[in-house]
C-alpha atoms as a PDB file:
ATOM      1  CA  MET A   1       7.132   2.153  -1.365  1.00  0.00           C
ATOM      2  CA  GLU A   2       5.278  -1.147  -1.084  1.00  0.00           C
ATOM      3  CA  LEU A   3       2.878  -1.887  -3.956  1.00  0.00           C
ATOM      4  CA  GLY A   4       0.164  -4.480  -4.034  1.00  0.00           C
ATOM      5  CA  VAL A   5      -3.320  -5.584  -4.938  1.00  0.00           C
ATOM      6  CA  TYR A   6      -6.562  -6.133  -3.083  1.00  0.00           C
ATOM      7  CA  THR A   7      -9.936  -7.554  -4.039  1.00  0.00           C
ATOM      8  CA  PHE A   8     -13.306  -8.485  -2.627  1.00  0.00           C
ATOM      9  CA  GLY A   9     -13.627 -11.546  -4.864  1.00  0.00           C
ATOM     10  CA  ASP A  10     -16.496 -10.076  -6.868  1.00  0.00           C
ATOM     11  CA  VAL A  11     -19.009 -12.470  -8.397  1.00  0.00           C
ATOM     12  CA  ALA A  12     -20.930 -10.439 -10.957  1.00  0.00           C
ATOM     13  CA  THR A  13     -22.668 -10.799 -14.290  1.00  0.00           C
ATOM     14  CA  ASP A  14     -20.556  -9.400 -17.101  1.00  0.00           C
ATOM     15  CA  PRO A  15     -22.608  -6.553 -18.625  1.00  0.00           C
ATOM     16  CA  ARG A  16     -21.019  -7.258 -22.006  1.00  0.00           C
ATOM     17  CA  THR A  17     -21.732 -10.994 -22.218  1.00  0.00           C
ATOM     18  CA  GLY A  18     -24.492 -11.659 -19.679  1.00  0.00           C
ATOM     19  CA  THR A  19     -22.452 -14.467 -18.102  1.00  0.00           C
ATOM     20  CA  ALA A  20     -21.222 -14.835 -14.521  1.00  0.00           C
ATOM     21  CA  LEU A  21     -18.538 -16.907 -12.842  1.00  0.00           C
ATOM     22  CA  SER A  22     -19.453 -19.320 -10.087  1.00  0.00           C
ATOM     23  CA  PRO A  23     -17.981 -18.594  -6.648  1.00  0.00           C
ATOM     24  CA  ARG A  24     -15.881 -21.739  -7.088  1.00  0.00           C
ATOM     25  CA  GLN A  25     -14.321 -20.454 -10.297  1.00  0.00           C
ATOM     26  CA  ARG A  26     -13.887 -16.962  -8.881  1.00  0.00           C
ATOM     27  CA  LEU A  27     -11.876 -18.326  -5.962  1.00  0.00           C
ATOM     28  CA  ALA A  28      -9.781 -20.455  -8.311  1.00  0.00           C
ATOM     29  CA  ASN A  29      -9.053 -17.351 -10.395  1.00  0.00           C
ATOM     30  CA  LEU A  30      -8.260 -15.414  -7.246  1.00  0.00           C
ATOM     31  CA  LEU A  31      -5.584 -17.870  -6.198  1.00  0.00           C
ATOM     32  CA  GLU A  32      -3.984 -17.485  -9.635  1.00  0.00           C
ATOM     33  CA  GLU A  33      -3.991 -13.709  -9.113  1.00  0.00           C
ATOM     34  CA  ILE A  34      -2.247 -14.025  -5.752  1.00  0.00           C
ATOM     35  CA  GLU A  35       0.343 -16.449  -7.147  1.00  0.00           C
ATOM     36  CA  LEU A  36       1.107 -14.100 -10.030  1.00  0.00           C
ATOM     37  CA  ALA A  37       1.382 -11.085  -7.723  1.00  0.00           C
ATOM     38  CA  ASP A  38       3.972 -12.999  -5.711  1.00  0.00           C
ATOM     39  CA  GLN A  39       5.876 -14.062  -8.822  1.00  0.00           C
ATOM     40  CA  VAL A  40       6.137 -10.524 -10.244  1.00  0.00           C
ATOM     41  CA  GLY A  41       7.466  -9.123  -6.966  1.00  0.00           C
ATOM     42  CA  LEU A  42       4.492  -7.241  -5.568  1.00  0.00           C
ATOM     43  CA  ASP A  43       4.618  -6.710  -1.822  1.00  0.00           C
ATOM     44  CA  VAL A  44       1.054  -7.207  -0.578  1.00  0.00           C
ATOM     45  CA  PHE A  45      -2.191  -8.967  -1.488  1.00  0.00           C
ATOM     46  CA  GLY A  46      -5.350  -8.109   0.446  1.00  0.00           C
ATOM     47  CA  LEU A  47      -8.781  -9.757   0.597  1.00  0.00           C
ATOM     48  CA  GLY A  48     -11.944  -8.023   1.749  1.00  0.00           C
ATOM     49  CA  GLU A  49     -14.704  -9.561   3.852  1.00  0.00           C
ATOM     50  CA  HIS A  50     -18.300  -9.316   2.632  1.00  0.00           C
ATOM     51  CA  HIS A  51     -21.495 -11.245   3.312  1.00  0.00           C
ATOM     52  CA  ARG A  52     -23.404 -10.634   0.085  1.00  0.00           C
ATOM     53  CA  PRO A  53     -24.195 -12.732  -2.985  1.00  0.00           C
ATOM     54  CA  ASP A  54     -22.060 -10.505  -5.229  1.00  0.00           C
ATOM     55  CA  TYR A  55     -18.830 -11.376  -3.392  1.00  0.00           C
ATOM     56  CA  ALA A  56     -17.168 -14.770  -2.914  1.00  0.00           C
ATOM     57  CA  ILE A  57     -15.089 -13.945   0.169  1.00  0.00           C
ATOM     58  CA  SER A  58     -16.725 -14.029   3.584  1.00  0.00           C
ATOM     59  CA  ALA A  59     -13.729 -15.720   5.255  1.00  0.00           C
ATOM     60  CA  PRO A  60     -10.532 -13.988   4.032  1.00  0.00           C
ATOM     61  CA  SER A  61      -8.236 -15.867   6.403  1.00  0.00           C
ATOM     62  CA  THR A  62      -9.264 -19.193   4.847  1.00  0.00           C
ATOM     63  CA  VAL A  63      -8.426 -18.033   1.325  1.00  0.00           C
ATOM     64  CA  LEU A  64      -5.209 -16.390   2.490  1.00  0.00           C
ATOM     65  CA  ALA A  65      -4.160 -19.598   4.243  1.00  0.00           C
ATOM     66  CA  THR A  66      -4.556 -21.449   0.952  1.00  0.00           C
ATOM     67  CA  ALA A  67      -2.539 -18.736  -0.785  1.00  0.00           C
ATOM     68  CA  ALA A  68       0.193 -19.021   1.853  1.00  0.00           C
ATOM     69  CA  GLY A  69       1.044 -22.488   0.568  1.00  0.00           C
ATOM     70  CA  ARG A  70       1.303 -21.240  -3.025  1.00  0.00           C
ATOM     71  CA  THR A  71       3.445 -18.147  -2.428  1.00  0.00           C
ATOM     72  CA  THR A  72       6.815 -17.371  -0.891  1.00  0.00           C
ATOM     73  CA  ASP A  73       7.299 -13.637  -0.360  1.00  0.00           C
ATOM     74  CA  ILE A  74       4.118 -11.595  -0.706  1.00  0.00           C
ATOM     75  CA  ARG A  75       2.452 -10.309   2.454  1.00  0.00           C
ATOM     76  CA  LEU A  76      -1.105 -11.578   2.977  1.00  0.00           C
ATOM     77  CA  THR A  77      -3.671  -9.302   4.604  1.00  0.00           C
ATOM     78  CA  SER A  78      -7.363  -8.854   5.130  1.00  0.00           C
ATOM     79  CA  ALA A  79      -8.730  -5.766   3.391  1.00  0.00           C
ATOM     80  CA  VAL A  80     -10.730  -5.422   5.550  1.00  0.00           C
ATOM     81  CA  THR A  81     -11.718  -7.554   8.530  1.00  0.00           C
ATOM     82  CA  VAL A  82     -15.091  -6.182   9.670  1.00  0.00           C
ATOM     83  CA  LEU A  83     -14.008  -6.163  13.281  1.00  0.00           C
ATOM     84  CA  SER A  84     -17.252  -4.653  14.608  1.00  0.00           C
ATOM     85  CA  SER A  85     -19.108  -7.903  13.907  1.00  0.00           C
ATOM     86  CA  GLU A  86     -16.235 -10.338  14.506  1.00  0.00           C
ATOM     87  CA  ASP A  87     -14.918 -11.996  17.658  1.00  0.00           C
ATOM     88  CA  PRO A  88     -11.440 -10.524  18.219  1.00  0.00           C
ATOM     89  CA  VAL A  89     -10.234 -13.762  19.801  1.00  0.00           C
ATOM     90  CA  ARG A  90     -11.057 -15.743  16.678  1.00  0.00           C
ATOM     91  CA  VAL A  91      -9.638 -13.018  14.427  1.00  0.00           C
ATOM     92  CA  PHE A  92      -6.363 -13.112  16.321  1.00  0.00           C
ATOM     93  CA  GLN A  93      -6.216 -16.907  16.265  1.00  0.00           C
ATOM     94  CA  GLN A  94      -6.981 -17.052  12.527  1.00  0.00           C
ATOM     95  CA  TYR A  95      -4.306 -14.542  11.578  1.00  0.00           C
ATOM     96  CA  ALA A  96      -1.764 -15.919  14.049  1.00  0.00           C
ATOM     97  CA  THR A  97      -2.314 -19.282  12.329  1.00  0.00           C
ATOM     98  CA  LEU A  98      -1.944 -17.634   8.919  1.00  0.00           C
ATOM     99  CA  ASP A  99       1.273 -16.025  10.139  1.00  0.00           C
ATOM    100  CA  LEU A 100       2.639 -19.428  11.117  1.00  0.00           C
ATOM    101  CA  LEU A 101       1.619 -20.989   7.799  1.00  0.00           C
ATOM    102  CA  SER A 102       3.144 -18.145   5.797  1.00  0.00           C
ATOM    103  CA  ASP A 103       6.323 -17.860   7.865  1.00  0.00           C
ATOM    104  CA  GLY A 104       5.554 -14.360   9.091  1.00  0.00           C
ATOM    105  CA  ARG A 105       3.675 -12.755   6.188  1.00  0.00           C
ATOM    106  CA  ALA A 106       0.224 -12.169   7.742  1.00  0.00           C
ATOM    107  CA  GLU A 107      -1.432  -8.848   8.471  1.00  0.00           C
ATOM    108  CA  ILE A 108      -4.843  -7.681   9.681  1.00  0.00           C
ATOM    109  CA  MET A 109      -6.519  -4.620   8.213  1.00  0.00           C
ATOM    110  CA  ALA A 110      -9.321  -3.865  10.657  1.00  0.00           C
ATOM    111  CA  GLY A 111     -12.275  -1.671   9.758  1.00  0.00           C
ATOM    112  CA  ARG A 112     -15.933  -1.028  10.390  1.00  0.00           C
ATOM    113  CA  GLY A 113     -16.965  -2.128   6.908  1.00  0.00           C
ATOM    114  CA  SER A 114     -18.688  -0.390   4.012  1.00  0.00           C
ATOM    115  CA  PHE A 115     -21.728  -2.708   4.096  1.00  0.00           C
ATOM    116  CA  ILE A 116     -23.991  -3.581   7.008  1.00  0.00           C
ATOM    117  CA  GLU A 117     -25.033  -7.193   6.268  1.00  0.00           C
ATOM    118  CA  SER A 118     -22.691  -8.661   8.868  1.00  0.00           C
ATOM    119  CA  PHE A 119     -24.399  -6.868  11.754  1.00  0.00           C
ATOM    120  CA  PRO A 120     -27.777  -8.652  11.664  1.00  0.00           C
ATOM    121  CA  LEU A 121     -26.069 -11.838  10.457  1.00  0.00           C
ATOM    122  CA  PHE A 122     -24.015 -12.072  13.639  1.00  0.00           C
ATOM    123  CA  GLY A 123     -26.544 -10.486  15.980  1.00  0.00           C
ATOM    124  CA  PHE A 124     -25.169  -6.967  16.426  1.00  0.00           C
ATOM    125  CA  ASP A 125     -27.008  -3.652  16.591  1.00  0.00           C
ATOM    126  CA  LEU A 126     -26.059  -0.990  14.042  1.00  0.00           C
ATOM    127  CA  ASP A 127     -26.684   1.638  16.710  1.00  0.00           C
ATOM    128  CA  ASP A 128     -23.499   0.337  18.355  1.00  0.00           C
ATOM    129  CA  TYR A 129     -21.504   0.752  15.123  1.00  0.00           C
ATOM    130  CA  ASP A 130     -18.560   2.779  16.424  1.00  0.00           C
ATOM    131  CA  GLU A 131     -18.656   1.522  20.011  1.00  0.00           C
ATOM    132  CA  LEU A 132     -18.345  -2.067  18.792  1.00  0.00           C
ATOM    133  CA  PHE A 133     -15.299  -1.277  16.700  1.00  0.00           C
ATOM    134  CA  ALA A 134     -13.503   0.679  19.404  1.00  0.00           C
ATOM    135  CA  GLU A 135     -14.083  -2.003  22.030  1.00  0.00           C
ATOM    136  CA  LYS A 136     -13.116  -4.903  19.804  1.00  0.00           C
ATOM    137  CA  LEU A 137     -10.014  -3.150  18.523  1.00  0.00           C
ATOM    138  CA  ASP A 138      -8.958  -2.647  22.135  1.00  0.00           C
ATOM    139  CA  LEU A 139      -9.329  -6.357  22.802  1.00  0.00           C
ATOM    140  CA  LEU A 140      -7.557  -7.357  19.577  1.00  0.00           C
ATOM    141  CA  LEU A 141      -4.535  -5.268  20.529  1.00  0.00           C
ATOM    142  CA  LYS A 142      -4.421  -6.782  24.008  1.00  0.00           C
ATOM    143  CA  LEU A 143      -4.544 -10.264  22.498  1.00  0.00           C
ATOM    144  CA  ARG A 144      -1.730  -9.308  20.151  1.00  0.00           C
ATOM    145  CA  ASP A 145       0.474  -7.933  22.914  1.00  0.00           C
ATOM    146  CA  SER A 146       0.143 -10.653  25.541  1.00  0.00           C
ATOM    147  CA  GLU A 147      -0.573 -14.383  25.500  1.00  0.00           C
ATOM    148  CA  ARG A 148      -2.552 -14.102  28.747  1.00  0.00           C
ATOM    149  CA  VAL A 149      -5.344 -11.543  28.675  1.00  0.00           C
ATOM    150  CA  THR A 150      -7.570  -9.951  31.280  1.00  0.00           C
ATOM    151  CA  TRP A 151     -10.210  -7.759  29.691  1.00  0.00           C
ATOM    152  CA  SER A 152     -13.829  -6.699  30.069  1.00  0.00           C
ATOM    153  CA  GLY A 153     -16.217  -4.746  27.884  1.00  0.00           C
ATOM    154  CA  LYS A 154     -19.856  -4.195  27.038  1.00  0.00           C
ATOM    155  CA  HIS A 155     -20.300  -6.332  23.935  1.00  0.00           C
ATOM    156  CA  ARG A 156     -18.348  -9.519  24.699  1.00  0.00           C
ATOM    157  CA  ALA A 157     -17.834 -11.847  27.646  1.00  0.00           C
ATOM    158  CA  ALA A 158     -14.921 -10.824  29.874  1.00  0.00           C
ATOM    159  CA  LEU A 159     -11.568 -12.618  29.895  1.00  0.00           C
ATOM    160  CA  GLU A 160      -9.761 -13.314  33.158  1.00  0.00           C
ATOM    161  CA  ASP A 161      -6.070 -14.185  32.750  1.00  0.00           C
ATOM    162  CA  GLN A 162      -7.059 -16.216  29.700  1.00  0.00           C
ATOM    163  CA  PRO A 163      -4.275 -17.726  27.577  1.00  0.00           C
ATOM    164  CA  VAL A 164      -4.824 -17.340  23.821  1.00  0.00           C
ATOM    165  CA  PHE A 165      -2.972 -19.472  21.287  1.00  0.00           C
ATOM    166  CA  PRO A 166      -1.335 -19.945  18.837  1.00  0.00           C
ATOM    167  CA  ARG A 167       1.125 -17.059  18.918  1.00  0.00           C
ATOM    168  CA  PRO A 168       2.294 -15.648  15.588  1.00  0.00           C
ATOM    169  CA  VAL A 169       5.789 -15.533  14.104  1.00  0.00           C
ATOM    170  CA  GLN A 170       5.722 -11.729  13.975  1.00  0.00           C
ATOM    171  CA  GLN A 171       5.896  -9.872  17.245  1.00  0.00           C
ATOM    172  CA  PRO A 172       3.719  -7.954  17.083  1.00  0.00           C
ATOM    173  CA  LEU A 173       1.352  -9.210  14.393  1.00  0.00           C
ATOM    174  CA  PRO A 174       0.752  -6.160  12.137  1.00  0.00           C
ATOM    175  CA  VAL A 175      -2.663  -4.523  12.555  1.00  0.00           C
ATOM    176  CA  TRP A 176      -3.699  -1.633  10.300  1.00  0.00           C
ATOM    177  CA  VAL A 177      -6.809   0.507  10.760  1.00  0.00           C
ATOM    178  CA  ALA A 178      -8.794   0.952   7.543  1.00  0.00           C
ATOM    179  CA  VAL A 179     -10.568   4.296   7.169  1.00  0.00           C
ATOM    180  CA  GLY A 180     -12.991   5.555   4.536  1.00  0.00           C
ATOM    181  CA  GLY A 181     -13.439   9.185   5.513  1.00  0.00           C
ATOM    182  CA  SER A 182     -13.639   9.387   9.288  1.00  0.00           C
ATOM    183  CA  ALA A 183     -11.323  11.883  11.001  1.00  0.00           C
ATOM    184  CA  GLN A 184     -12.059  10.210  14.338  1.00  0.00           C
ATOM    185  CA  SER A 185     -10.836   6.864  13.011  1.00  0.00           C
ATOM    186  CA  ALA A 186      -7.645   8.385  11.605  1.00  0.00           C
ATOM    187  CA  VAL A 187      -6.873  10.024  14.953  1.00  0.00           C
ATOM    188  CA  ARG A 188      -7.651   6.806  16.825  1.00  0.00           C
ATOM    189  CA  ALA A 189      -5.196   4.845  14.663  1.00  0.00           C
ATOM    190  CA  GLY A 190      -2.421   7.344  15.271  1.00  0.00           C
ATOM    191  CA  ALA A 191      -3.109   7.499  19.002  1.00  0.00           C
ATOM    192  CA  LEU A 192      -2.954   3.700  19.233  1.00  0.00           C
ATOM    193  CA  GLY A 193       0.265   3.514  17.233  1.00  0.00           C
ATOM    194  CA  LEU A 194      -1.344   1.720  14.294  1.00  0.00           C
ATOM    195  CA  PRO A 195      -0.713   2.210  10.561  1.00  0.00           C
ATOM    196  CA  LEU A 196      -3.516   3.813   8.544  1.00  0.00           C
ATOM    197  CA  ALA A 197      -5.065   2.316   5.384  1.00  0.00           C
ATOM    198  CA  LEU A 198      -6.992   5.040   3.604  1.00  0.00           C
ATOM    199  CA  ALA A 199      -9.592   3.870   1.074  1.00  0.00           C
ATOM    200  CA  ILE A 200     -10.172   6.399  -1.704  1.00  0.00           C
ATOM    201  CA  ILE A 201     -12.876   5.298  -4.115  1.00  0.00           C
ATOM    202  CA  GLY A 202     -14.232   8.588  -5.447  1.00  0.00           C
ATOM    203  CA  GLY A 203     -13.735  12.310  -5.828  1.00  0.00           C
ATOM    204  CA  GLU A 204     -10.363  14.021  -5.519  1.00  0.00           C
ATOM    205  CA  PRO A 205      -7.827  12.144  -3.397  1.00  0.00           C
ATOM    206  CA  ALA A 206      -6.278  15.411  -2.214  1.00  0.00           C
ATOM    207  CA  ARG A 207      -9.297  16.121  -0.038  1.00  0.00           C
ATOM    208  CA  PHE A 208      -8.406  13.014   1.998  1.00  0.00           C
ATOM    209  CA  ALA A 209      -4.934  14.362   2.757  1.00  0.00           C
ATOM    210  CA  PRO A 210      -6.060  15.957   6.066  1.00  0.00           C
ATOM    211  CA  LEU A 211      -6.813  12.458   7.371  1.00  0.00           C
ATOM    212  CA  ALA A 212      -3.197  11.407   6.858  1.00  0.00           C
ATOM    213  CA  THR A 213      -2.107  14.613   8.579  1.00  0.00           C
ATOM    214  CA  LEU A 214      -4.395  13.954  11.553  1.00  0.00           C
ATOM    215  CA  HIS A 215      -3.029  10.417  11.793  1.00  0.00           C
ATOM    216  CA  ARG A 216       0.572  11.650  11.867  1.00  0.00           C
ATOM    217  CA  ARG A 217      -0.173  14.360  14.413  1.00  0.00           C
ATOM    218  CA  ALA A 218      -1.954  11.919  16.720  1.00  0.00           C
ATOM    219  CA  ALA A 219       0.936   9.473  16.440  1.00  0.00           C
ATOM    220  CA  GLU A 220       3.397  12.198  17.362  1.00  0.00           C
ATOM    221  CA  GLN A 221       1.242  13.494  20.206  1.00  0.00           C
ATOM    222  CA  PHE A 222       1.005  10.049  21.776  1.00  0.00           C
ATOM    223  CA  GLY A 223       4.677   9.272  21.291  1.00  0.00           C
ATOM    224  CA  ASN A 224       4.198   6.607  18.623  1.00  0.00           C
ATOM    225  CA  GLY A 225       6.671   7.961  16.112  1.00  0.00           C
ATOM    226  CA  PRO A 226       6.244   7.825  12.311  1.00  0.00           C
ATOM    227  CA  LEU A 227       3.619   5.291  11.221  1.00  0.00           C
ATOM    228  CA  PRO A 228       2.993   3.910   7.715  1.00  0.00           C
ATOM    229  CA  VAL A 229       0.072   5.075   5.600  1.00  0.00           C
ATOM    230  CA  SER A 230      -1.451   3.053   2.759  1.00  0.00           C
ATOM    231  CA  ILE A 231      -3.604   4.423  -0.051  1.00  0.00           C
ATOM    232  CA  ASN A 232      -6.108   1.840  -1.337  1.00  0.00           C
ATOM    233  CA  SER A 233      -7.749   2.744  -4.659  1.00  0.00           C
ATOM    234  CA  HIS A 234      -9.544   1.329  -7.654  1.00  0.00           C
ATOM    235  CA  GLY A 235      -7.171   1.019 -10.565  1.00  0.00           C
ATOM    236  CA  PHE A 236      -6.166  -0.894 -13.645  1.00  0.00           C
ATOM    237  CA  VAL A 237      -3.043  -1.217 -15.783  1.00  0.00           C
ATOM    238  CA  ALA A 238      -2.945  -2.219 -19.457  1.00  0.00           C
ATOM    239  CA  ASP A 239      -0.404  -1.903 -22.226  1.00  0.00           C
ATOM    240  CA  THR A 240      -1.962   1.370 -23.390  1.00  0.00           C
ATOM    241  CA  SER A 241      -4.055   4.031 -21.704  1.00  0.00           C
ATOM    242  CA  GLN A 242      -6.951   3.421 -24.097  1.00  0.00           C
ATOM    243  CA  ALA A 243      -6.967  -0.318 -23.453  1.00  0.00           C
ATOM    244  CA  ALA A 244      -6.918   0.278 -19.690  1.00  0.00           C
ATOM    245  CA  ALA A 245      -9.801   2.742 -19.784  1.00  0.00           C
ATOM    246  CA  ASP A 246     -11.932   0.695 -22.158  1.00  0.00           C
ATOM    247  CA  SER A 247     -11.409  -2.523 -20.185  1.00  0.00           C
ATOM    248  CA  PHE A 248     -11.990  -1.082 -16.733  1.00  0.00           C
ATOM    249  CA  PHE A 249     -14.892   1.238 -17.549  1.00  0.00           C
ATOM    250  CA  ALA A 250     -17.443  -1.483 -18.360  1.00  0.00           C
ATOM    251  CA  THR A 251     -17.094  -3.394 -15.103  1.00  0.00           C
ATOM    252  CA  TYR A 252     -16.376  -0.332 -12.936  1.00  0.00           C
ATOM    253  CA  ALA A 253     -19.448   1.503 -14.217  1.00  0.00           C
ATOM    254  CA  ASP A 254     -21.606  -1.578 -13.738  1.00  0.00           C
ATOM    255  CA  VAL A 255     -20.499  -1.999 -10.106  1.00  0.00           C
ATOM    256  CA  MET A 256     -20.811   1.684  -9.213  1.00  0.00           C
ATOM    257  CA  THR A 257     -24.221   1.949 -10.869  1.00  0.00           C
ATOM    258  CA  ARG A 258     -25.511  -1.110  -8.978  1.00  0.00           C
ATOM    259  CA  LEU A 259     -24.188   0.257  -5.687  1.00  0.00           C
ATOM    260  CA  GLY A 260     -25.662   3.619  -6.598  1.00  0.00           C
ATOM    261  CA  ARG A 261     -29.122   2.101  -6.779  1.00  0.00           C
ATOM    262  CA  GLU A 262     -28.658   0.952  -3.168  1.00  0.00           C
ATOM    263  CA  ARG A 263     -27.183   4.188  -1.881  1.00  0.00           C
ATOM    264  CA  GLY A 264     -28.825   6.889  -3.940  1.00  0.00           C
ATOM    265  CA  TRP A 265     -26.096   7.682  -6.476  1.00  0.00           C
ATOM    266  CA  GLY A 266     -26.736   8.269 -10.140  1.00  0.00           C
ATOM    267  CA  ALA A 267     -25.536   5.924 -12.878  1.00  0.00           C
ATOM    268  CA  MET A 268     -21.822   6.120 -13.704  1.00  0.00           C
ATOM    269  CA  THR A 269     -21.201   7.764 -17.085  1.00  0.00           C
ATOM    270  CA  ARG A 270     -18.124   7.603 -19.287  1.00  0.00           C
ATOM    271  CA  ASP A 271     -17.521  11.333 -18.805  1.00  0.00           C
ATOM    272  CA  GLN A 272     -17.495  10.868 -15.014  1.00  0.00           C
ATOM    273  CA  PHE A 273     -15.190   7.892 -15.367  1.00  0.00           C
ATOM    274  CA  ASP A 274     -12.773   9.781 -17.605  1.00  0.00           C
ATOM    275  CA  ALA A 275     -12.672  12.648 -15.099  1.00  0.00           C
ATOM    276  CA  LEU A 276     -11.835  10.215 -12.308  1.00  0.00           C
ATOM    277  CA  THR A 277      -8.915   8.839 -14.330  1.00  0.00           C
ATOM    278  CA  GLY A 278      -7.389  12.309 -14.665  1.00  0.00           C
ATOM    279  CA  ARG A 279      -4.417  13.501 -12.632  1.00  0.00           C
ATOM    280  CA  HIS A 280      -6.533  14.703  -9.704  1.00  0.00           C
ATOM    281  CA  GLY A 281      -9.161  11.940  -9.787  1.00  0.00           C
ATOM    282  CA  ALA A 282      -9.477   8.834  -7.633  1.00  0.00           C
ATOM    283  CA  LEU A 283      -9.012   6.138 -10.297  1.00  0.00           C
ATOM    284  CA  VAL A 284      -5.465   4.952 -11.016  1.00  0.00           C
ATOM    285  CA  VAL A 285      -6.015   3.722 -14.567  1.00  0.00           C
ATOM    286  CA  GLY A 286      -3.753   3.765 -17.591  1.00  0.00           C
ATOM    287  CA  SER A 287      -0.543   2.536 -19.144  1.00  0.00           C
ATOM    288  CA  PRO A 288       2.315   1.570 -16.806  1.00  0.00           C
ATOM    289  CA  GLU A 289       3.871   5.012 -17.227  1.00  0.00           C
ATOM    290  CA  GLN A 290       0.602   6.805 -16.465  1.00  0.00           C
ATOM    291  CA  VAL A 291      -0.141   4.658 -13.426  1.00  0.00           C
ATOM    292  CA  ALA A 292       3.373   5.174 -12.064  1.00  0.00           C
ATOM    293  CA  GLU A 293       3.050   8.927 -12.604  1.00  0.00           C
ATOM    294  CA  LYS A 294      -0.247   9.043 -10.706  1.00  0.00           C
ATOM    295  CA  ILE A 295       1.047   6.956  -7.805  1.00  0.00           C
ATOM    296  CA  LEU A 296       4.031   9.302  -7.548  1.00  0.00           C
ATOM    297  CA  PHE A 297       1.791  12.372  -7.728  1.00  0.00           C
ATOM    298  CA  GLN A 298      -0.329  11.023  -4.890  1.00  0.00           C
ATOM    299  CA  GLN A 299       2.799  10.195  -2.907  1.00  0.00           C
ATOM    300  CA  GLU A 300       3.653  13.887  -2.962  1.00  0.00           C
ATOM    301  CA  VAL A 301       0.196  14.610  -1.525  1.00  0.00           C
ATOM    302  CA  PHE A 302       0.073  11.905   1.162  1.00  0.00           C
ATOM    303  CA  GLY A 303       3.672  10.845   1.769  1.00  0.00           C
ATOM    304  CA  HIS A 304       2.397   7.283   2.002  1.00  0.00           C
ATOM    305  CA  GLN A 305       4.500   4.134   2.181  1.00  0.00           C
ATOM    306  CA  ARG A 306       2.109   1.664   0.535  1.00  0.00           C
ATOM    307  CA  PHE A 307      -0.257   1.660  -2.440  1.00  0.00           C
ATOM    308  CA  LEU A 308      -2.816  -1.092  -3.030  1.00  0.00           C
ATOM    309  CA  MET A 309      -4.846  -1.337  -6.244  1.00  0.00           C
ATOM    310  CA  GLN A 310      -8.242  -2.978  -6.654  1.00  0.00           C
ATOM    311  CA  SER A 311      -8.341  -4.167 -10.262  1.00  0.00           C
ATOM    312  CA  SER A 312     -10.612  -7.229 -10.241  1.00  0.00           C
ATOM    313  CA  LEU A 313     -13.805  -5.250  -9.824  1.00  0.00           C
ATOM    314  CA  GLY A 314     -17.168  -6.691 -10.763  1.00  0.00           C
ATOM    315  CA  ALA A 315     -16.931  -9.012 -13.772  1.00  0.00           C
ATOM    316  CA  ALA A 316     -13.475  -7.869 -14.859  1.00  0.00           C
ATOM    317  CA  PRO A 317     -12.087 -10.506 -17.277  1.00  0.00           C
ATOM    318  CA  HIS A 318      -9.597 -12.744 -15.506  1.00  0.00           C
ATOM    319  CA  ARG A 319      -7.044 -12.613 -18.313  1.00  0.00           C
ATOM    320  CA  GLU A 320      -7.043  -8.800 -18.241  1.00  0.00           C
ATOM    321  CA  VAL A 321      -6.791  -8.700 -14.449  1.00  0.00           C
ATOM    322  CA  LEU A 322      -3.757 -10.988 -14.618  1.00  0.00           C
ATOM    323  CA  ARG A 323      -2.170  -8.672 -17.178  1.00  0.00           C
ATOM    324  CA  SER A 324      -2.848  -5.688 -14.919  1.00  0.00           C
ATOM    325  CA  ILE A 325      -1.156  -7.440 -11.988  1.00  0.00           C
ATOM    326  CA  GLU A 326       1.779  -8.429 -14.192  1.00  0.00           C
ATOM    327  CA  LEU A 327       2.284  -4.868 -15.409  1.00  0.00           C
ATOM    328  CA  LEU A 328       1.925  -3.448 -11.908  1.00  0.00           C
ATOM    329  CA  GLY A 329       4.738  -5.692 -10.697  1.00  0.00           C
ATOM    330  CA  THR A 330       7.072  -5.711 -13.685  1.00  0.00           C
ATOM    331  CA  GLU A 331       6.727  -2.175 -15.058  1.00  0.00           C
ATOM    332  CA  VAL A 332       4.919   0.156 -12.643  1.00  0.00           C
ATOM    333  CA  ALA A 333       6.739  -0.885  -9.465  1.00  0.00           C
ATOM    334  CA  PRO A 334      10.265  -0.413 -10.909  1.00  0.00           C
ATOM    335  CA  LEU A 335       9.312   3.045 -12.231  1.00  0.00           C
ATOM    336  CA  VAL A 336       7.872   4.125  -8.891  1.00  0.00           C
ATOM    337  CA  ARG A 337      10.754   2.784  -6.826  1.00  0.00           C
ATOM    338  CA  ALA A 338      13.411   4.271  -9.093  1.00  0.00           C
ATOM    339  CA  GLU A 339      11.821   7.704  -8.909  1.00  0.00           C
ATOM    340  CA  LEU A 340      11.396   7.557  -5.140  1.00  0.00           C
ATOM    341  CA  ALA A 341      15.031   6.494  -4.794  1.00  0.00           C
ATOM    342  CA  ARG A 342      16.060   9.436  -6.984  1.00  0.00           C
ATOM    343  CA  ARG A 343      14.099  11.833  -4.772  1.00  0.00           C
ATOM    344  CA  GLU A 344      15.477  10.430  -1.524  1.00  0.00           C
ATOM    345  CA  PRO A 345      18.752  12.448  -1.278  1.00  0.00           C
ATOM    346  CA  SER A 346      16.931  15.765  -1.691  1.00  0.00           C
ATOM    347  CA  ALA A 347      14.417  14.702   0.957  1.00  0.00           C
ATOM    348  CA  GLY A 348      17.061  13.943   3.535  1.00  0.00           C
END
């Protein structure tokens, strides 16, 4: 199993101290996080795209290109690219360039986005939410598969035998479809032969398992063979379970409560948080042994090939985030891989 980290580059006021990092410092810290993830042997680092004051990353490919020069092995992906409000030609060019800079380590995780700010910002109508994504994904895949493209659609100017450069190292450039809870999106990914990144940020992960099943069935139906699935979750690793819970709760609760005010949720309580950290909850928080156990438990549910953890949430202290990344790479990953290797003979 591949293990990694993703973040949105949060810029938030620490509820414990009342202080906030500048976007400049947050990006500097972020590059340290990516470098460390590479050094401790993690497989993937992903950056989300947002257009809000509480996040520092609106251009993931730019940050990833900087990280490419500071790393050697780790794969570098968006998490996600809000494709509905992007130009697929520019997205392809940006990530093809990143692929060249990183010697074949770039990926695109394409999604419709969990926020809507990018739609008015770039002149798109929210009523076209799904139609925009479907059309632009179609174009992105055509750009990926051929250097000369003829294409027409409703929401972008047509292309007539148009060459698009540069071409990436990887053929094809990996494109994942990121899904929150949409069965239609999971089926679409499988039908198109694309890996599925399943974001689980609340509730019981097991109730998302039907989406992975739909993805696999669609892939089989359309002759695409087995396709990877990634589980993307909030999580945090510390030396002890108590330290992990105490560290992560303050910033997690602050973020979820602020988002709740926008979306109609109640404030996050410690009891709710503790329930989410349990075996059947969505949060992957604890000591290295506990985190490994939960990842392995979820692997039995989903059969996934990749797990990405979002640890630097809100105003999470940089030093503690670095420790979480270090433990994920040096202690959690070996435990998970050893257990999966032990299970392999009985599975085959």
